[in-house]
Amino acid sequence: MTGARVGEDHPASQGPEAVAVDSGDLLRPVRPDVRRRSADEEDRRPRDQPHLLGRFGYVVLMVCLAIGSVFTLMLSVSVGALSIPLGDVATVVWSHLTGQGESTDVEPVIDQVVWEFRFPRALLAFVVGSGLAVAGTALQALVRNPLADPYILGIASGASLGAVIVIVLGSAFLLGLGVAAAAFVFALATMFVVLVLGRQGGRLQPTRMLLAGVALSFVLSAATSYVQFQADPRELRTVLNWLLGSLAAADWPDVTRAAPVVLLSTAWLVLRGRDLNALLFGEESAHALGVNVNRFRLEIVLVSCLLTASVVAVAGAIGFVGLVIPHIVRLLVGPDHRRVLPACLLLGGLYLMAVDILSRVLERPAEVPLGILTSAIGVPVFLLLLRRQGRLAEAS
């Protein structure tokens, strides 16, 4: 047989269990057991790509990241214009976490500085870093492009416009919304526009969505620049601090708003880890593995945009976290999202806490905006990772 005849050999005539496989110009039906075995093999394939750590190494890595996160959290609370011993930090935090209230073992001013200012700031740094890293991982799986990051869909640009409008023109201009609320609302509005523009033929097209996000980013950035042009010097400084990312104004309400979104979104993505793995092989392979690709893509976009909007609204635009951290994690543990996402959660949070410490000690008592440091660190690290991954791929 040199070709397929519709009546006998076309897969549509073989019943629902037949799948067409193209080999040159030959079409032939595949048995159900072969299809199941092929699907199982494809589900395993992402974990077979080059990486440094095996199963035991992954457990060790997660334990180290958890311990490192706790230590960095305490160190972040200790460091500042007023240095506080780690023992006093631990005493104050333990006293409040156990419901005892203000600690009697330290001075009241130390208790206030630790619990009311520095501890929520350190926690928010962890939450923001985790959210950006997880959102970057999900978007890279969605578009099958390792260069995707949480800001590529224009969400940060929309949030920036909302925040700058409130800072320069006042909250009354947006019906009384504060900076964080305006940033969140504008980010969600941008997400809605991207989703509308990214659909074609009733389906969400990743490439079309990315192009729409890039175009919207330019438009929104232009609008933000125009509003900045209307600002006086004092307002302009506040605008620049927000646009470059800062946690100086962090408080407990910011933590309670952002943390549940990050934790619940990460948990949902981990539960859908097998489906994220399936997307790595393309739309047809994901369909063969039982994934409703169009609906799942929409869900990923909604979750990623909600994550990004939540953290950008409270911390400003902080770049490169969602781009670099997923690369580091995949290099260590492989591309299986059931392992990548929890590691990104911990490493992203630890990384941003460390950067926040650095921002406070470089020019003490002034602070360097987080966005400057994450870009300065992220660019060379990203280039090194690309070179390292290329070497691993060649060696395999």
Protein backbone atom coordinates (compact mmCIF):
# COMPACT_ATOMS: atom_id res chain seq x y z
CA MET A 1 0.00 0.00 0.00
CA THR A 2 1.47 3.37 -1.01
CA GLY A 3 -1.33 5.66 0.11
CA ALA A 4 -4.44 5.84 2.24
CA ARG A 5 -7.91 5.10 0.86
CA VAL A 6 -10.74 6.87 2.62
CA GLY A 7 -12.98 3.83 2.85
CA GLU A 8 -10.45 1.36 4.22
CA ASP A 9 -7.31 2.95 5.58
CA HIS A 10 -8.32 6.45 6.69
CA PRO A 11 -8.23 6.64 10.49
CA ALA A 12 -11.75 8.06 10.65
CA SER A 13 -13.06 4.69 9.46
CA GLN A 14 -11.24 2.77 12.18
CA GLY A 15 -13.43 3.98 15.03
CA PRO A 16 -12.70 6.31 17.95
CA GLU A 17 -9.67 4.27 19.09
CA ALA A 18 -7.64 4.80 15.89
CA VAL A 19 -5.05 7.54 15.64
CA ALA A 20 -3.39 8.62 12.39
CA VAL A 21 0.39 8.68 12.32
CA ASP A 22 2.15 10.30 9.41
CA SER A 23 5.26 8.49 8.21
CA GLY A 24 6.28 10.05 4.92
CA ASP A 25 3.08 9.90 2.88
CA LEU A 26 1.79 6.76 4.65
CA LEU A 27 -1.18 6.88 6.99
CA ARG A 28 -1.93 3.89 9.17
CA PRO A 29 -4.14 3.26 12.26
CA VAL A 30 -2.46 2.78 15.63
CA ARG A 31 -3.77 0.28 18.20
CA PRO A 32 -5.21 1.67 21.47
CA ASP A 33 -2.48 0.00 23.57
CA VAL A 34 0.20 1.62 21.40
CA ARG A 35 -1.44 5.02 21.83
CA ARG A 36 -1.60 4.63 25.62
CA ARG A 37 2.02 3.55 25.77
CA SER A 38 3.06 6.50 23.60
CA ALA A 39 1.14 8.93 25.80
CA ASP A 40 2.76 7.52 28.94
CA GLU A 41 6.19 7.84 27.35
CA GLU A 42 5.50 11.45 26.41
CA ASP A 43 4.38 12.18 29.97
CA ARG A 44 7.76 10.94 31.20
CA ARG A 45 9.87 12.70 28.61
CA PRO A 46 10.18 16.13 30.32
CA ARG A 47 11.86 14.53 33.34
CA ASP A 48 14.51 12.90 31.15
CA GLN A 49 16.02 16.17 29.93
CA PRO A 50 19.44 17.18 31.35
CA HIS A 51 19.44 18.44 34.94
CA LEU A 52 21.74 18.26 37.93
CA LEU A 53 19.67 16.73 40.75
CA GLY A 54 17.86 13.41 41.06
CA ARG A 55 14.99 12.54 43.38
CA PHE A 56 17.07 12.54 46.57
CA GLY A 57 18.85 15.71 45.49
CA TYR A 58 15.47 17.38 44.97
CA VAL A 59 14.43 16.57 48.54
CA VAL A 60 17.71 17.95 49.86
CA LEU A 61 17.28 21.08 47.73
CA MET A 62 13.77 21.73 49.06
CA VAL A 63 14.92 21.29 52.67
CA CYS A 64 17.85 23.67 52.09
CA LEU A 65 15.59 26.24 50.42
CA ALA A 66 13.10 26.08 53.29
CA ILE A 67 15.81 26.52 55.93
CA GLY A 68 17.51 29.23 53.88
CA SER A 69 14.21 31.08 53.49
CA VAL A 70 13.60 31.13 57.25
CA PHE A 71 17.14 32.31 57.97
CA THR A 72 17.01 34.99 55.26
CA LEU A 73 13.64 36.15 56.61
CA MET A 74 15.09 36.63 60.08
CA LEU A 75 18.22 38.30 58.69
CA SER A 76 16.06 40.68 56.64
CA VAL A 77 14.25 41.75 59.81
CA SER A 78 17.55 42.22 61.62
CA VAL A 79 19.23 44.41 58.97
CA GLY A 80 18.44 48.09 58.58
CA ALA A 81 19.30 51.60 59.73
CA LEU A 82 18.86 50.19 63.23
CA SER A 83 20.56 46.80 63.52
CA ILE A 84 18.66 44.36 65.73
CA PRO A 85 20.25 41.15 67.08
CA LEU A 86 18.82 37.96 65.61
CA GLY A 87 17.98 36.75 69.13
CA ASP A 88 15.73 39.77 69.73
CA VAL A 89 14.12 39.27 66.33
CA ALA A 90 13.33 35.65 67.14
CA THR A 91 11.96 36.63 70.58
CA VAL A 92 9.60 39.27 69.16
CA VAL A 93 8.37 37.10 66.28
CA TRP A 94 7.78 34.09 68.53
CA SER A 95 5.92 36.21 71.08
CA HIS A 96 3.50 37.53 68.47
CA LEU A 97 3.06 34.24 66.62
CA THR A 98 2.14 32.44 69.85
CA GLY A 99 -0.45 35.07 70.76
CA GLN A 100 1.47 36.59 73.67
CA GLY A 101 1.48 40.04 72.07
CA GLU A 102 4.23 42.55 72.75
CA SER A 103 7.35 40.90 74.12
CA THR A 104 8.51 41.99 77.58
CA ASP A 105 12.07 40.78 76.94
CA VAL A 106 12.93 43.61 74.50
CA GLU A 107 12.31 47.33 74.41
CA PRO A 108 8.88 48.40 73.10
CA VAL A 109 10.44 50.33 70.23
CA ILE A 110 12.32 47.21 69.10
CA ASP A 111 9.12 45.19 69.24
CA GLN A 112 7.32 47.78 67.12
CA VAL A 113 10.10 48.03 64.54
CA VAL A 114 10.30 44.24 64.18
CA TRP A 115 6.62 43.36 64.11
CA GLU A 116 4.98 46.41 62.55
CA PHE A 117 7.56 47.34 59.91
CA ARG A 118 10.31 44.88 59.11
CA PHE A 119 8.61 41.51 59.50
CA PRO A 120 5.73 42.33 57.12
CA ARG A 121 8.26 43.80 54.68
CA ALA A 122 10.36 40.62 54.73
CA LEU A 123 7.26 38.44 54.32
CA LEU A 124 6.03 40.58 51.44
CA ALA A 125 9.41 40.27 49.73
CA PHE A 126 9.09 36.48 49.95
CA VAL A 127 5.51 36.56 48.65
CA VAL A 128 6.31 38.88 45.73
CA GLY A 129 9.39 36.89 44.69
CA SER A 130 7.45 33.63 44.89
CA GLY A 131 4.53 35.00 42.90
CA LEU A 132 6.70 36.36 40.10
CA ALA A 133 8.72 33.14 39.83
CA VAL A 134 5.61 30.94 39.73
CA ALA A 135 3.86 33.20 37.20
CA GLY A 136 6.95 33.15 34.98
CA THR A 137 7.07 29.35 35.09
CA ALA A 138 3.42 29.03 34.10
CA LEU A 139 3.69 31.51 31.23
CA GLN A 140 6.82 29.84 29.86
CA ALA A 141 4.92 26.56 29.75
CA LEU A 142 1.94 28.26 28.13
CA VAL A 143 3.85 29.78 25.22
CA ARG A 144 6.60 27.12 25.14
CA ASN A 145 9.16 29.90 25.22
CA PRO A 146 11.78 30.22 28.00
CA LEU A 147 11.99 33.98 27.40
CA ALA A 148 8.42 34.61 28.58
CA ASP A 149 8.00 36.39 31.91
CA PRO A 150 5.09 37.82 33.96
CA TYR A 151 5.42 41.24 32.34
CA ILE A 152 5.26 40.13 28.73
CA LEU A 153 1.45 40.37 28.61
CA GLY A 154 1.43 44.05 29.58
CA ILE A 155 0.05 43.44 33.07
CA ALA A 156 2.83 45.44 34.76
CA SER A 157 2.38 48.32 32.32
CA GLY A 158 -1.32 48.48 33.12
CA ALA A 159 -0.65 48.40 36.86
CA SER A 160 1.98 51.13 36.48
CA LEU A 161 -0.45 53.41 34.67
CA GLY A 162 -3.08 53.00 37.40
CA ALA A 163 -0.57 53.69 40.18
CA VAL A 164 0.95 56.71 38.45
CA ILE A 165 -2.47 58.26 37.80
CA VAL A 166 -3.28 58.10 41.51
CA ILE A 167 0.13 59.44 42.55
CA VAL A 168 0.06 62.38 40.14
CA LEU A 169 -3.63 63.20 39.68
CA GLY A 170 -4.95 62.04 43.05
CA SER A 171 -7.24 59.23 44.13
CA ALA A 172 -10.33 61.32 43.40
CA PHE A 173 -9.53 61.01 39.70
CA LEU A 174 -10.21 57.24 39.97
CA LEU A 175 -13.19 57.30 42.30
CA GLY A 176 -11.15 57.22 45.49
CA LEU A 177 -8.93 54.23 44.67
CA GLY A 178 -5.56 54.08 46.39
CA VAL A 179 -2.28 53.33 44.64
CA ALA A 180 -2.38 49.56 45.19
CA ALA A 181 -6.09 49.29 44.34
CA ALA A 182 -5.71 51.34 41.16
CA ALA A 183 -2.71 49.26 40.09
CA PHE A 184 -4.67 46.04 40.62
CA VAL A 185 -7.77 47.26 38.77
CA PHE A 186 -5.75 48.50 35.79
CA ALA A 187 -3.79 45.26 35.68
CA LEU A 188 -7.00 43.23 35.52
CA ALA A 189 -8.41 45.55 32.84
CA THR A 190 -5.24 45.03 30.80
CA MET A 191 -5.60 41.26 31.22
CA PHE A 192 -9.16 41.44 29.88
CA VAL A 193 -8.07 43.40 26.79
CA VAL A 194 -5.22 40.96 26.13
CA LEU A 195 -7.60 38.01 26.35
CA VAL A 196 -10.03 39.65 23.92
CA LEU A 197 -7.30 40.52 21.41
CA GLY A 198 -5.59 37.14 21.82
CA ARG A 199 -8.57 35.09 20.66
CA GLN A 200 -8.95 33.97 17.06
CA GLY A 201 -11.69 31.72 15.80
CA GLY A 202 -13.01 31.27 19.33
CA ARG A 203 -9.65 29.95 20.58
CA LEU A 204 -6.90 31.57 22.61
CA GLN A 205 -3.76 31.80 20.47
CA PRO A 206 -0.54 32.22 22.54
CA THR A 207 1.39 34.00 19.77
CA ARG A 208 -1.45 36.41 19.10
CA MET A 209 -1.84 37.00 22.83
CA LEU A 210 1.87 37.78 23.24
CA LEU A 211 1.82 40.25 20.37
CA ALA A 212 -1.25 41.93 21.84
CA GLY A 213 0.50 42.14 25.23
CA VAL A 214 3.63 43.70 23.73
CA ALA A 215 1.59 46.24 21.77
CA LEU A 216 -0.46 47.15 24.83
CA SER A 217 2.73 47.54 26.87
CA PHE A 218 3.98 50.23 24.50
CA VAL A 219 0.65 52.06 24.52
CA LEU A 220 0.32 51.93 28.31
CA SER A 221 3.96 52.94 28.81
CA ALA A 222 3.37 55.96 26.59
CA ALA A 223 0.32 56.91 28.64
CA THR A 224 2.31 56.48 31.86
CA SER A 225 5.08 58.72 30.51
CA TYR A 226 2.52 61.39 29.61
CA VAL A 227 1.08 61.36 33.14
CA GLN A 228 4.63 61.53 34.56
CA PHE A 229 5.21 64.63 32.44
CA GLN A 230 2.44 66.36 34.43
CA ALA A 231 4.03 65.56 37.80
CA ASP A 232 5.94 67.99 40.01
CA PRO A 233 9.41 66.98 41.33
CA ARG A 234 8.08 65.50 44.57
CA GLU A 235 5.45 63.42 42.79
CA LEU A 236 7.96 62.38 40.15
CA ARG A 237 10.28 60.91 42.78
CA THR A 238 7.40 58.89 44.22
CA VAL A 239 6.47 57.70 40.74
CA LEU A 240 10.03 56.56 39.98
CA ASN A 241 10.27 54.69 43.29
CA TRP A 242 7.07 52.80 42.46
CA LEU A 243 8.00 52.08 38.85
CA LEU A 244 11.40 50.71 39.87
CA GLY A 245 9.93 48.52 42.61
CA SER A 246 10.05 49.10 46.34
CA LEU A 247 8.91 47.45 49.56
CA ALA A 248 9.53 50.48 51.77
CA ALA A 249 5.81 51.01 52.39
CA ALA A 250 5.00 47.34 53.06
CA ASP A 251 2.52 46.60 55.84
CA TRP A 252 0.39 43.71 57.07
CA PRO A 253 -2.63 44.45 54.80
CA ASP A 254 -0.32 44.15 51.76
CA VAL A 255 0.80 40.72 52.97
CA THR A 256 -2.72 39.49 53.66
CA ARG A 257 -3.88 40.63 50.22
CA ALA A 258 -1.07 39.09 48.20
CA ALA A 259 -0.14 35.92 50.13
CA PRO A 260 -3.45 34.00 49.68
CA VAL A 261 -3.41 34.67 45.93
CA VAL A 262 0.16 33.39 45.58
CA LEU A 263 -0.38 30.28 47.72
CA LEU A 264 -3.70 29.26 46.15
CA SER A 265 -2.49 29.92 42.59
CA THR A 266 0.68 27.90 43.17
CA ALA A 267 -1.29 25.02 44.68
CA TRP A 268 -3.63 24.95 41.66
CA LEU A 269 -0.72 24.99 39.21
CA VAL A 270 1.04 22.15 41.05
CA LEU A 271 -2.14 20.08 40.89
CA ARG A 272 -2.24 20.71 37.14
CA GLY A 273 1.46 19.88 36.78
CA ARG A 274 0.86 16.92 34.44
CA ASP A 275 -1.18 19.13 32.13
CA LEU A 276 1.58 21.76 32.15
CA ASN A 277 4.04 19.01 31.19
CA ALA A 278 1.77 18.00 28.33
CA LEU A 279 1.81 21.54 26.92
CA LEU A 280 5.57 21.26 26.42
CA PHE A 281 4.94 18.89 23.49
CA GLY A 282 2.49 21.11 21.64
CA GLU A 283 -1.25 21.32 21.22
CA GLU A 284 -1.79 18.02 19.39
CA SER A 285 0.19 15.97 21.90
CA ALA A 286 -1.59 17.66 24.80
CA HIS A 287 -4.96 16.80 23.24
CA ALA A 288 -3.82 13.19 22.89
CA LEU A 289 -3.04 13.17 26.61
CA GLY A 290 -6.58 14.31 27.44
CA VAL A 291 -5.97 18.03 28.03
CA ASN A 292 -8.61 20.55 26.97
CA VAL A 293 -5.93 22.86 25.60
CA ASN A 294 -8.04 25.93 24.86
CA ARG A 295 -9.68 26.01 28.29
CA PHE A 296 -6.43 25.18 30.08
CA ARG A 297 -4.59 27.99 28.29
CA LEU A 298 -7.26 30.43 29.41
CA GLU A 299 -6.98 29.18 32.99
CA ILE A 300 -3.19 29.60 32.96
CA VAL A 301 -3.47 33.16 31.64
CA LEU A 302 -6.06 34.08 34.28
CA VAL A 303 -4.03 32.59 37.14
CA SER A 304 -0.74 34.11 35.93
CA CYS A 305 -2.26 37.53 35.42
CA LEU A 306 -3.94 37.43 38.82
CA LEU A 307 -0.61 36.49 40.40
CA THR A 308 1.23 39.27 38.61
CA ALA A 309 -1.44 41.89 39.32
CA SER A 310 -1.50 41.00 43.03
CA VAL A 311 2.24 41.34 43.57
CA VAL A 312 2.83 44.31 41.26
CA ALA A 313 0.04 46.21 43.01
CA VAL A 314 1.86 46.03 46.35
CA ALA A 315 5.51 46.16 45.26
CA GLY A 316 5.72 47.92 41.91
CA ALA A 317 7.42 46.60 38.79
CA ILE A 318 10.31 44.24 39.66
CA GLY A 319 11.83 42.60 36.61
CA PHE A 320 13.81 39.45 35.84
CA VAL A 321 12.59 37.42 38.84
CA GLY A 322 10.03 35.55 36.75
CA LEU A 323 12.55 35.06 33.96
CA VAL A 324 15.71 33.95 35.79
CA ILE A 325 14.36 31.86 38.69
CA PRO A 326 12.51 29.27 36.50
CA HIS A 327 15.68 28.81 34.44
CA ILE A 328 17.76 28.13 37.55
CA VAL A 329 15.21 25.67 38.92
CA ARG A 330 14.84 23.75 35.66
CA LEU A 331 18.62 23.49 35.40
CA LEU A 332 18.66 21.90 38.87
CA VAL A 333 15.57 19.65 38.91
CA GLY A 334 14.47 19.28 35.28
CA PRO A 335 11.32 20.52 33.52
CA ASP A 336 8.69 18.49 35.43
CA HIS A 337 6.35 21.20 36.73
CA ARG A 338 5.31 19.13 39.73
CA ARG A 339 8.87 19.64 40.98
CA VAL A 340 9.66 22.98 39.37
CA LEU A 341 6.77 25.00 40.84
CA PRO A 342 7.39 24.29 44.57
CA ALA A 343 11.11 24.96 44.08
CA CYS A 344 10.33 28.23 42.26
CA LEU A 345 8.06 29.27 45.12
CA LEU A 346 10.88 28.91 47.67
CA LEU A 347 13.79 30.10 45.54
CA GLY A 348 11.92 33.12 44.18
CA GLY A 349 10.95 34.23 47.68
CA LEU A 350 14.45 33.66 49.07
CA TYR A 351 16.02 35.53 46.16
CA LEU A 352 13.90 38.65 46.52
CA MET A 353 14.41 38.75 50.29
CA ALA A 354 18.17 38.67 49.69
CA VAL A 355 17.89 41.45 47.09
CA ASP A 356 15.80 43.51 49.53
CA ILE A 357 18.55 43.16 52.15
CA LEU A 358 21.10 44.28 49.58
CA SER A 359 18.97 47.29 48.62
CA ARG A 360 19.04 48.51 52.24
CA VAL A 361 22.76 48.09 52.92
CA LEU A 362 24.32 49.38 49.69
CA GLU A 363 23.56 53.06 50.32
CA ARG A 364 22.45 53.08 53.94
CA PRO A 365 20.33 54.84 55.15
CA ALA A 366 18.92 55.35 51.63
CA GLU A 367 17.49 52.42 49.66
CA VAL A 368 18.26 51.28 46.13
CA PRO A 369 15.07 50.40 44.18
CA LEU A 370 14.61 46.65 43.84
CA GLY A 371 14.10 46.79 40.09
CA ILE A 372 17.58 48.20 39.56
CA LEU A 373 19.22 45.40 41.53
CA THR A 374 17.15 42.57 40.05
CA SER A 375 18.03 43.78 36.55
CA ALA A 376 21.72 44.23 37.39
CA ILE A 377 21.85 40.71 38.85
CA GLY A 378 19.42 39.07 36.45
CA VAL A 379 21.01 39.95 33.11
CA PRO A 380 24.46 38.38 33.68
CA VAL A 381 22.97 35.41 35.54
CA PHE A 382 20.54 34.80 32.70
CA LEU A 383 23.33 34.88 30.12
CA LEU A 384 25.39 32.43 32.17
CA LEU A 385 22.39 30.10 32.49
CA LEU A 386 21.83 30.13 28.74
CA ARG A 387 25.46 29.19 28.18
CA ARG A 388 25.30 26.44 30.82
CA GLN A 389 22.09 24.97 29.41
CA GLY A 390 23.61 24.91 25.93
CA ARG A 391 26.57 22.92 27.23
CA LEU A 392 24.30 20.44 29.03
CA ALA A 393 22.22 19.94 25.89
CA GLU A 394 25.35 19.28 23.82
CA ALA A 395 26.68 16.82 26.41
CA SER A 396 23.42 14.88 26.37
